Structure formats: C-alpha cells, structure tokens
Amino acid sequence: NPGDAEAERKFKEIGEAYEFLKDPQKRAA
C-alpha cells in the first residue's frame, strides 16, 4: 500500500497489538 497513510497506521496498530498479546505476561496485564 505505497503512499497510503491509513494503511500504514493500521499496520502499526496491528503490530503493536500482536506484540503485546503474544507475550503471556503482557497479555495478562
């Protein structure tokens, strides 16, 4: 999605969400 700011924002949100939920301790918190 070159040049698509909304897609870039969604991409970052998806990455951040998975980064926390894949860690059992962070997910529990």
PDB file of all heavy atoms in Angstrom:
ATOM      1  N   ASN A   1       0.838  -1.202   0.000  1.00  0.00           N
ATOM      2  CA  ASN A   1       0.000   0.000   0.000  1.00  0.00           C
ATOM      3  C   ASN A   1       0.872   1.250   0.000  1.00  0.00           C
ATOM      4  O   ASN A   1       0.840   2.041   0.963  1.00  0.00           O
ATOM      5  CB  ASN A   1      -0.930   0.002   1.226  1.00  0.00           C
ATOM      6  CG  ASN A   1      -1.800  -1.228   1.312  1.00  0.00           C
ATOM      7  OD1 ASN A   1      -2.884  -1.281   0.737  1.00  0.00           O
ATOM      8  ND2 ASN A   1      -1.324  -2.242   2.030  1.00  0.00           N
ATOM      9  N   PRO A   2       1.686   1.434  -1.021  1.00  0.00           N
ATOM     10  CA  PRO A   2       2.603   2.587  -1.035  1.00  0.00           C
ATOM     11  C   PRO A   2       1.856   3.919  -1.017  1.00  0.00           C
ATOM     12  O   PRO A   2       0.897   4.114  -1.770  1.00  0.00           O
ATOM     13  CB  PRO A   2       3.373   2.406  -2.358  1.00  0.00           C
ATOM     14  CG  PRO A   2       2.493   1.539  -3.193  1.00  0.00           C
ATOM     15  CD  PRO A   2       1.772   0.638  -2.251  1.00  0.00           C
ATOM     16  N   GLY A   3       2.301   4.807  -0.110  1.00  0.00           N
ATOM     17  CA  GLY A   3       1.701   6.133  -0.028  1.00  0.00           C
ATOM     18  C   GLY A   3       0.367   6.186   0.692  1.00  0.00           C
ATOM     19  O   GLY A   3      -0.255   7.241   0.785  1.00  0.00           O
ATOM     20  N   ASP A   4      -0.103   5.073   1.231  1.00  0.00           N
ATOM     21  CA  ASP A   4      -1.395   5.030   1.921  1.00  0.00           C
ATOM     22  C   ASP A   4      -1.151   5.199   3.422  1.00  0.00           C
ATOM     23  O   ASP A   4      -0.748   4.265   4.121  1.00  0.00           O
ATOM     24  CB  ASP A   4      -2.088   3.692   1.642  1.00  0.00           C
ATOM     25  CG  ASP A   4      -3.533   3.671   2.143  1.00  0.00           C
ATOM     26  OD1 ASP A   4      -3.871   4.443   3.055  1.00  0.00           O
ATOM     27  OD2 ASP A   4      -4.314   2.870   1.600  1.00  0.00           O
ATOM     28  N   ALA A   5      -1.414   6.412   3.919  1.00  0.00           N
ATOM     29  CA  ALA A   5      -1.152   6.717   5.329  1.00  0.00           C
ATOM     30  C   ALA A   5      -2.061   5.907   6.252  1.00  0.00           C
ATOM     31  O   ALA A   5      -1.643   5.475   7.332  1.00  0.00           O
ATOM     32  CB  ALA A   5      -1.338   8.218   5.586  1.00  0.00           C
ATOM     33  N   GLU A   6      -3.311   5.695   5.842  1.00  0.00           N
ATOM     34  CA  GLU A   6      -4.242   4.944   6.673  1.00  0.00           C
ATOM     35  C   GLU A   6      -3.796   3.491   6.802  1.00  0.00           C
ATOM     36  O   GLU A   6      -3.858   2.901   7.888  1.00  0.00           O
ATOM     37  CB  GLU A   6      -5.641   4.999   6.054  1.00  0.00           C
ATOM     38  CG  GLU A   6      -6.715   4.221   6.814  1.00  0.00           C
ATOM     39  CD  GLU A   6      -6.959   4.744   8.225  1.00  0.00           C
ATOM     40  OE1 GLU A   6      -6.588   5.914   8.508  1.00  0.00           O
ATOM     41  OE2 GLU A   6      -7.527   3.998   9.043  1.00  0.00           O
ATOM     42  N   ALA A   7      -3.318   2.903   5.705  1.00  0.00           N
ATOM     43  CA  ALA A   7      -2.832   1.523   5.752  1.00  0.00           C
ATOM     44  C   ALA A   7      -1.596   1.423   6.643  1.00  0.00           C
ATOM     45  O   ALA A   7      -1.440   0.460   7.406  1.00  0.00           O
ATOM     46  CB  ALA A   7      -2.505   1.032   4.335  1.00  0.00           C
ATOM     47  N   GLU A   8      -0.727   2.426   6.591  1.00  0.00           N
ATOM     48  CA  GLU A   8       0.468   2.431   7.438  1.00  0.00           C
ATOM     49  C   GLU A   8       0.087   2.512   8.909  1.00  0.00           C
ATOM     50  O   GLU A   8       0.671   1.835   9.766  1.00  0.00           O
ATOM     51  CB  GLU A   8       1.372   3.604   7.057  1.00  0.00           C
ATOM     52  CG  GLU A   8       2.692   3.622   7.833  1.00  0.00           C
ATOM     53  CD  GLU A   8       3.614   4.733   7.378  1.00  0.00           C
ATOM     54  OE1 GLU A   8       3.243   5.468   6.436  1.00  0.00           O
ATOM     55  OE2 GLU A   8       4.690   4.883   7.975  1.00  0.00           O
ATOM     56  N   ARG A   9      -0.943   3.342   9.206  1.00  0.00           N
ATOM     57  CA  ARG A   9      -1.406   3.462  10.589  1.00  0.00           C
ATOM     58  C   ARG A   9      -1.966   2.126  11.083  1.00  0.00           C
ATOM     59  O   ARG A   9      -1.657   1.676  12.189  1.00  0.00           O
ATOM     60  CB  ARG A   9      -2.477   4.562  10.683  1.00  0.00           C
ATOM     61  CG  ARG A   9      -2.978   4.811  12.105  1.00  0.00           C
ATOM     62  CD  ARG A   9      -4.138   5.787  12.120  1.00  0.00           C
ATOM     63  NE  ARG A   9      -5.304   5.248  11.451  1.00  0.00           N
ATOM     64  CZ  ARG A   9      -6.148   4.380  12.003  1.00  0.00           C
ATOM     65  NH1 ARG A   9      -5.946   3.945  13.242  1.00  0.00           N
ATOM     66  NH2 ARG A   9      -7.183   3.940  11.332  1.00  0.00           N
ATOM     67  N   LYS A  10      -2.782   1.490  10.232  1.00  0.00           N
ATOM     68  CA  LYS A  10      -3.357   0.200  10.604  1.00  0.00           C
ATOM     69  C   LYS A  10      -2.257  -0.842  10.802  1.00  0.00           C
ATOM     70  O   LYS A  10      -2.317  -1.670  11.712  1.00  0.00           O
ATOM     71  CB  LYS A  10      -4.319  -0.269   9.508  1.00  0.00           C
ATOM     72  CG  LYS A  10      -5.598   0.546   9.427  1.00  0.00           C
ATOM     73  CD  LYS A  10      -6.586   0.170  10.508  1.00  0.00           C
ATOM     74  CE  LYS A  10      -7.119  -1.227  10.344  1.00  0.00           C
ATOM     75  NZ  LYS A  10      -8.125  -1.571  11.372  1.00  0.00           N
ATOM     76  N   PHE A  11      -1.265  -0.790   9.933  1.00  0.00           N
ATOM     77  CA  PHE A  11      -0.155  -1.737  10.016  1.00  0.00           C
ATOM     78  C   PHE A  11       0.560  -1.620  11.359  1.00  0.00           C
ATOM     79  O   PHE A  11       0.893  -2.625  12.004  1.00  0.00           O
ATOM     80  CB  PHE A  11       0.807  -1.472   8.857  1.00  0.00           C
ATOM     81  CG  PHE A  11       1.943  -2.437   8.766  1.00  0.00           C
ATOM     82  CD1 PHE A  11       1.744  -3.749   8.372  1.00  0.00           C
ATOM     83  CD2 PHE A  11       3.240  -2.033   9.064  1.00  0.00           C
ATOM     84  CE1 PHE A  11       2.799  -4.640   8.275  1.00  0.00           C
ATOM     85  CE2 PHE A  11       4.292  -2.915   8.977  1.00  0.00           C
ATOM     86  CZ  PHE A  11       4.070  -4.225   8.570  1.00  0.00           C
ATOM     87  N   LYS A  12       0.778  -0.388  11.804  1.00  0.00           N
ATOM     88  CA  LYS A  12       1.446  -0.174  13.092  1.00  0.00           C
ATOM     89  C   LYS A  12       0.563  -0.630  14.247  1.00  0.00           C
ATOM     90  O   LYS A  12       1.045  -1.222  15.224  1.00  0.00           O
ATOM     91  CB  LYS A  12       1.805   1.300  13.244  1.00  0.00           C
ATOM     92  CG  LYS A  12       2.909   1.760  12.285  1.00  0.00           C
ATOM     93  CD  LYS A  12       3.221   3.236  12.460  1.00  0.00           C
ATOM     94  CE  LYS A  12       4.339   3.681  11.527  1.00  0.00           C
ATOM     95  NZ  LYS A  12       4.646   5.122  11.667  1.00  0.00           N
ATOM     96  N   GLU A  13      -0.730  -0.358  14.165  1.00  0.00           N
ATOM     97  CA  GLU A  13      -1.643  -0.783  15.233  1.00  0.00           C
ATOM     98  C   GLU A  13      -1.687  -2.304  15.342  1.00  0.00           C
ATOM     99  O   GLU A  13      -1.687  -2.863  16.436  1.00  0.00           O
ATOM    100  CB  GLU A  13      -3.046  -0.239  14.958  1.00  0.00           C
ATOM    101  CG  GLU A  13      -3.192   1.265  15.161  1.00  0.00           C
ATOM    102  CD  GLU A  13      -4.603   1.743  14.886  1.00  0.00           C
ATOM    103  OE1 GLU A  13      -5.435   0.912  14.447  1.00  0.00           O
ATOM    104  OE2 GLU A  13      -4.886   2.931  15.122  1.00  0.00           O
ATOM    105  N   ILE A  14      -1.715  -2.972  14.194  1.00  0.00           N
ATOM    106  CA  ILE A  14      -1.732  -4.440  14.183  1.00  0.00           C
ATOM    107  C   ILE A  14      -0.465  -4.989  14.820  1.00  0.00           C
ATOM    108  O   ILE A  14      -0.499  -5.909  15.639  1.00  0.00           O
ATOM    109  CB  ILE A  14      -1.868  -4.947  12.731  1.00  0.00           C
ATOM    110  CG1 ILE A  14      -3.235  -4.558  12.154  1.00  0.00           C
ATOM    111  CG2 ILE A  14      -1.675  -6.464  12.657  1.00  0.00           C
ATOM    112  CD1 ILE A  14      -3.275  -4.632  10.642  1.00  0.00           C
ATOM    113  N   GLY A  15       0.680  -4.402  14.448  1.00  0.00           N
ATOM    114  CA  GLY A  15       1.954  -4.848  15.008  1.00  0.00           C
ATOM    115  C   GLY A  15       2.032  -4.643  16.503  1.00  0.00           C
ATOM    116  O   GLY A  15       2.516  -5.508  17.251  1.00  0.00           O
ATOM    117  N   GLU A  16       1.562  -3.471  16.950  1.00  0.00           N
ATOM    118  CA  GLU A  16       1.608  -3.182  18.385  1.00  0.00           C
ATOM    119  C   GLU A  16       0.706  -4.143  19.152  1.00  0.00           C
ATOM    120  O   GLU A  16       1.085  -4.681  20.199  1.00  0.00           O
ATOM    121  CB  GLU A  16       1.172  -1.736  18.634  1.00  0.00           C
ATOM    122  CG  GLU A  16       1.250  -1.339  20.107  1.00  0.00           C
ATOM    123  CD  GLU A  16       0.736   0.063  20.356  1.00  0.00           C
ATOM    124  OE1 GLU A  16       0.188   0.679  19.416  1.00  0.00           O
ATOM    125  OE2 GLU A  16       0.876   0.535  21.494  1.00  0.00           O
ATOM    126  N   ALA A  17      -0.505  -4.391  18.621  1.00  0.00           N
ATOM    127  CA  ALA A  17      -1.443  -5.286  19.298  1.00  0.00           C
ATOM    128  C   ALA A  17      -0.862  -6.692  19.428  1.00  0.00           C
ATOM    129  O   ALA A  17      -0.908  -7.311  20.501  1.00  0.00           O
ATOM    130  CB  ALA A  17      -2.768  -5.324  18.528  1.00  0.00           C
ATOM    131  N   TYR A  18      -0.294  -7.185  18.365  1.00  0.00           N
ATOM    132  CA  TYR A  18       0.255  -8.539  18.414  1.00  0.00           C
ATOM    133  C   TYR A  18       1.484  -8.622  19.311  1.00  0.00           C
ATOM    134  O   TYR A  18       1.701  -9.622  20.007  1.00  0.00           O
ATOM    135  CB  TYR A  18       0.599  -9.011  17.003  1.00  0.00           C
ATOM    136  CG  TYR A  18       1.099 -10.431  16.971  1.00  0.00           C
ATOM    137  CD1 TYR A  18       0.244 -11.492  17.268  1.00  0.00           C
ATOM    138  CD2 TYR A  18       2.425 -10.725  16.668  1.00  0.00           C
ATOM    139  CE1 TYR A  18       0.697 -12.795  17.269  1.00  0.00           C
ATOM    140  CE2 TYR A  18       2.894 -12.027  16.662  1.00  0.00           C
ATOM    141  CZ  TYR A  18       2.023 -13.057  16.959  1.00  0.00           C
ATOM    142  OH  TYR A  18       2.473 -14.354  16.961  1.00  0.00           O
ATOM    143  N   GLU A  19       2.287  -7.562  19.311  1.00  0.00           N
ATOM    144  CA  GLU A  19       3.491  -7.548  20.143  1.00  0.00           C
ATOM    145  C   GLU A  19       3.155  -7.766  21.616  1.00  0.00           C
ATOM    146  O   GLU A  19       3.859  -8.482  22.326  1.00  0.00           O
ATOM    147  CB  GLU A  19       4.234  -6.224  19.949  1.00  0.00           C
ATOM    148  CG  GLU A  19       5.391  -5.996  20.898  1.00  0.00           C
ATOM    149  CD  GLU A  19       6.552  -6.956  20.655  1.00  0.00           C
ATOM    150  OE1 GLU A  19       6.580  -7.587  19.587  1.00  0.00           O
ATOM    151  OE2 GLU A  19       7.409  -7.066  21.548  1.00  0.00           O
ATOM    152  N   PHE A  20       2.056  -7.178  22.045  1.00  0.00           N
ATOM    153  CA  PHE A  20       1.675  -7.316  23.465  1.00  0.00           C
ATOM    154  C   PHE A  20       0.912  -8.606  23.725  1.00  0.00           C
ATOM    155  O   PHE A  20       1.151  -9.285  24.723  1.00  0.00           O
ATOM    156  CB  PHE A  20       0.847  -6.105  23.903  1.00  0.00           C
ATOM    157  CG  PHE A  20       1.662  -4.861  24.067  1.00  0.00           C
ATOM    158  CD1 PHE A  20       1.600  -3.844  23.131  1.00  0.00           C
ATOM    159  CD2 PHE A  20       2.516  -4.691  25.145  1.00  0.00           C
ATOM    160  CE1 PHE A  20       2.363  -2.702  23.259  1.00  0.00           C
ATOM    161  CE2 PHE A  20       3.286  -3.551  25.291  1.00  0.00           C
ATOM    162  CZ  PHE A  20       3.216  -2.550  24.337  1.00  0.00           C
ATOM    163  N   LEU A  21      -0.003  -8.961  22.833  1.00  0.00           N
ATOM    164  CA  LEU A  21      -0.851 -10.122  23.111  1.00  0.00           C
ATOM    165  C   LEU A  21      -0.111 -11.445  22.955  1.00  0.00           C
ATOM    166  O   LEU A  21      -0.521 -12.452  23.524  1.00  0.00           O
ATOM    167  CB  LEU A  21      -2.080 -10.094  22.198  1.00  0.00           C
ATOM    168  CG  LEU A  21      -3.038  -8.924  22.410  1.00  0.00           C
ATOM    169  CD1 LEU A  21      -4.263  -9.080  21.510  1.00  0.00           C
ATOM    170  CD2 LEU A  21      -3.482  -8.820  23.877  1.00  0.00           C
ATOM    171  N   LYS A  22       0.980 -11.482  22.184  1.00  0.00           N
ATOM    172  CA  LYS A  22       1.711 -12.731  22.031  1.00  0.00           C
ATOM    173  C   LYS A  22       2.559 -13.045  23.262  1.00  0.00           C
ATOM    174  O   LYS A  22       2.990 -14.188  23.455  1.00  0.00           O
ATOM    175  CB  LYS A  22       2.602 -12.677  20.783  1.00  0.00           C
ATOM    176  CG  LYS A  22       3.859 -11.818  20.900  1.00  0.00           C
ATOM    177  CD  LYS A  22       4.595 -11.783  19.574  1.00  0.00           C
ATOM    178  CE  LYS A  22       5.869 -10.941  19.654  1.00  0.00           C
ATOM    179  NZ  LYS A  22       6.934 -11.609  20.386  1.00  0.00           N
ATOM    180  N   ASP A  23       2.807 -12.028  24.111  1.00  0.00           N
ATOM    181  CA  ASP A  23       3.575 -12.218  25.340  1.00  0.00           C
ATOM    182  C   ASP A  23       2.600 -12.522  26.476  1.00  0.00           C
ATOM    183  O   ASP A  23       1.759 -11.678  26.814  1.00  0.00           O
ATOM    184  CB  ASP A  23       4.375 -10.950  25.650  1.00  0.00           C
ATOM    185  CG  ASP A  23       5.303 -11.142  26.844  1.00  0.00           C
ATOM    186  OD1 ASP A  23       4.784 -11.484  27.934  1.00  0.00           O
ATOM    187  OD2 ASP A  23       6.514 -10.933  26.693  1.00  0.00           O
ATOM    188  N   PRO A  24       2.659 -13.710  27.067  1.00  0.00           N
ATOM    189  CA  PRO A  24       1.680 -14.089  28.104  1.00  0.00           C
ATOM    190  C   PRO A  24       1.598 -13.098  29.268  1.00  0.00           C
ATOM    191  O   PRO A  24       0.504 -12.791  29.755  1.00  0.00           O
ATOM    192  CB  PRO A  24       2.180 -15.462  28.578  1.00  0.00           C
ATOM    193  CG  PRO A  24       2.957 -15.999  27.418  1.00  0.00           C
ATOM    194  CD  PRO A  24       3.608 -14.808  26.789  1.00  0.00           C
ATOM    195  N   GLN A  25       2.746 -12.583  29.721  1.00  0.00           N
ATOM    196  CA  GLN A  25       2.733 -11.652  30.853  1.00  0.00           C
ATOM    197  C   GLN A  25       2.097 -10.321  30.462  1.00  0.00           C
ATOM    198  O   GLN A  25       1.274  -9.766  31.199  1.00  0.00           O
ATOM    199  CB  GLN A  25       4.161 -11.437  31.362  1.00  0.00           C
ATOM    200  CG  GLN A  25       4.780 -12.677  31.998  1.00  0.00           C
ATOM    201  CD  GLN A  25       6.173 -12.418  32.555  1.00  0.00           C
ATOM    202  OE1 GLN A  25       6.786 -11.402  32.254  1.00  0.00           O
ATOM    203  NE2 GLN A  25       6.662 -13.336  33.380  1.00  0.00           N
ATOM    204  N   LYS A  26       2.480  -9.783  29.295  1.00  0.00           N
ATOM    205  CA  LYS A  26       1.893  -8.516  28.844  1.00  0.00           C
ATOM    206  C   LYS A  26       0.399  -8.679  28.577  1.00  0.00           C
ATOM    207  O   LYS A  26      -0.399  -7.780  28.852  1.00  0.00           O
ATOM    208  CB  LYS A  26       2.605  -8.027  27.588  1.00  0.00           C
ATOM    209  CG  LYS A  26       4.041  -7.595  27.818  1.00  0.00           C
ATOM    210  CD  LYS A  26       4.665  -7.105  26.525  1.00  0.00           C
ATOM    211  CE  LYS A  26       6.110  -6.674  26.737  1.00  0.00           C
ATOM    212  NZ  LYS A  26       6.737  -6.216  25.482  1.00  0.00           N
ATOM    213  N   ARG A  27       0.017  -9.840  28.042  1.00  0.00           N
ATOM    214  CA  ARG A  27      -1.400 -10.066  27.758  1.00  0.00           C
ATOM    215  C   ARG A  27      -2.202 -10.124  29.048  1.00  0.00           C
ATOM    216  O   ARG A  27      -3.309  -9.567  29.120  1.00  0.00           O
ATOM    217  CB  ARG A  27      -1.562 -11.365  26.962  1.00  0.00           C
ATOM    218  CG  ARG A  27      -3.012 -11.669  26.607  1.00  0.00           C
ATOM    219  CD  ARG A  27      -3.118 -12.904  25.738  1.00  0.00           C
ATOM    220  NE  ARG A  27      -4.503 -13.192  25.400  1.00  0.00           N
ATOM    221  CZ  ARG A  27      -4.899 -14.196  24.628  1.00  0.00           C
ATOM    222  NH1 ARG A  27      -3.997 -15.013  24.094  1.00  0.00           N
ATOM    223  NH2 ARG A  27      -6.190 -14.391  24.373  1.00  0.00           N
ATOM    224  N   ALA A  28      -1.643 -10.788  30.054  1.00  0.00           N
ATOM    225  CA  ALA A  28      -2.349 -10.870  31.340  1.00  0.00           C
ATOM    226  C   ALA A  28      -2.523  -9.486  31.945  1.00  0.00           C
ATOM    227  O   ALA A  28      -3.590  -9.158  32.501  1.00  0.00           O
ATOM    228  CB  ALA A  28      -1.577 -11.785  32.288  1.00  0.00           C
ATOM    229  N   ALA A  29      -1.491  -8.644  31.843  1.00  0.00           N
ATOM    230  CA  ALA A  29      -1.587  -7.278  32.366  1.00  0.00           C
ATOM    231  C   ALA A  29      -2.604  -6.473  31.589  1.00  0.00           C
ATOM    232  O   ALA A  29      -3.386  -5.701  32.167  1.00  0.00           O
ATOM    233  CB  ALA A  29      -0.203  -6.617  32.300  1.00  0.00           C
TER     234      ALA A  29
END
